[in-house]
Amino acid sequence: MKRFTIPAAAALALSSCSTMPNVPPPSLDELARQYLALQLAIGEKDPGYVDAYYGPEELATQAAAQKDDISLPILQARTFALDSTLRSLPVAEGSVEGERVRYLRAMLNSARVRLRMLRGEEIKFQDEAEGLFGVRPELIDLATFDPVLERIEELVPGDESDGPLHERVNAFRDRFVIPNDRLRTVIDAAVAECRARTLPHIPLPENESFSLSLVTDKPWGGFNYYQGDYHSVIEINTDLPTRLDRAVDVGCHEAYPGHHVYSTLIERDRVNAMGQIEYTLLPLYSPRAIISEGSAEYGVKLAFPGDSQLEYERDVLAPLAGLDASDIEAYYELREATGDLSGAYYTLAAAYLDGTMEREEVIELSMRYRLQSRERAEQSLRFIDTYRSYVINYGLGEEIVGNAVEAAGDDLDARWERFIGILNTPTLPEDLM
């Protein structure tokens, strides 16, 4: 682990604070503003670090103006100093103030790890993921997925003349690709259905809204840029052909009951109702990411329980797309079977980022153990190049959030209530494990 030194001025400031017992500690609201200023300053050094911000404009303006005057070591010192102040506050565990302190310190812990990375420190994949997101992923030997591949072979049988398994799987899946000239109509219908299925369970502010556009040349499949005032800008990447089930998946994930709902509830119930301005900033690399992505992934199962997604796609979306849905049951059987290969993603990402596997080998093994086409394997690597260990937040996040929601029992209303409680409170991954 690389060490860093606190600049003399910062060290003096810290020691001075500890020797002035008659000086009252700053208020939590003031410390929250300091936290926002610090995170915005880090964001100036790390484009994309701030996933969303709708707090005081003057803090963002100040961070931009001071971009060239504040070094990474100074940001590290400020992070350490703010965490020390928060740690020393006399707050009761479990109180509102205690929850705020706990949340802020968790965010600062991730910020410290990210700053180490920005300074060039190489951190192993599992350590990086745990440091940034609060969860340590298990790396599974790829050979353990061979029995899953054997089961999938039975679903799409063939011989050498039909090509390897991944080609047969993708050829079958591509029968459900939405034509480009109908894509926007299908996605709009899917998002509207996701919203209609969410609102009876999660009443939202009357002025909540979103705008959606289809884009290209992105490392991700979809992105929600939360703007504040209950509004989101959603972009869906169409670099690769969009299959039928993707429309509902992305509608739930990015909008209802996913990212848009999550950020709307936080703004309504934490920022506006309680004045907790620290929530006006969402750091991309933080424990909130695994809650945000995990709830967005699991939200599909809440909005479309049982076979209802299959039925909706068969009866509504397939006709809109002009697709023959007679084999959609087989499509979903294959979708469920390939889901058992999800753990291979973390193993391959770790090998690639830790330097134990070359790029081409990762692509070949992604085709074998994730059953991706070459194009989709290359797109996955583009995401890993950009976001590194962020990849764990989807599958592991869905598992963690899903287990917590389903602990409420089989009653669907109870599950929705549990889901809301995870979204609009300062939930950290450790709370759900």
Foldseek 3Di string as FASTA:
>chain_A
DDDADQPPVLVVVLVVVVPCVVDDADDLLVLLLLLVLLQLLVCLLPPPQWLAFDFDPVSNVVSVVCNVVADLSNSLSSLVSSLVSLVPDPDDCPDPSNQSSVLSNQQSQLVNLVSCVSVPDADFLQVNLCRQAVDGDDADDLVVCVVLVVVLCVLQPDDPVCPDPLSSLVVVQVLQFFDPVLVVVLLVVLLVLLVVLQCVQPPADPPAEEAEDEDEDDLDQKGWHDHPPNYIYIYGYPNDTDGLLVSNLCSQCRDHPADSVLLRLQCVQPCVPPVSNSSSTDGCGGNVLLQRQQLSRLRSCLSQPDCRSLVCSQPPSCVSRVHDCPCVVSVVVSVVSLVVLVSNLSNLLSCDSVVVDDPVRSLVVCCVRNSHDSVVSVSSVSNCVPPPSSVCSNPVSNVQLVVQLCVLDDDSSSSSVSSSVSRHGSDGSVVRD
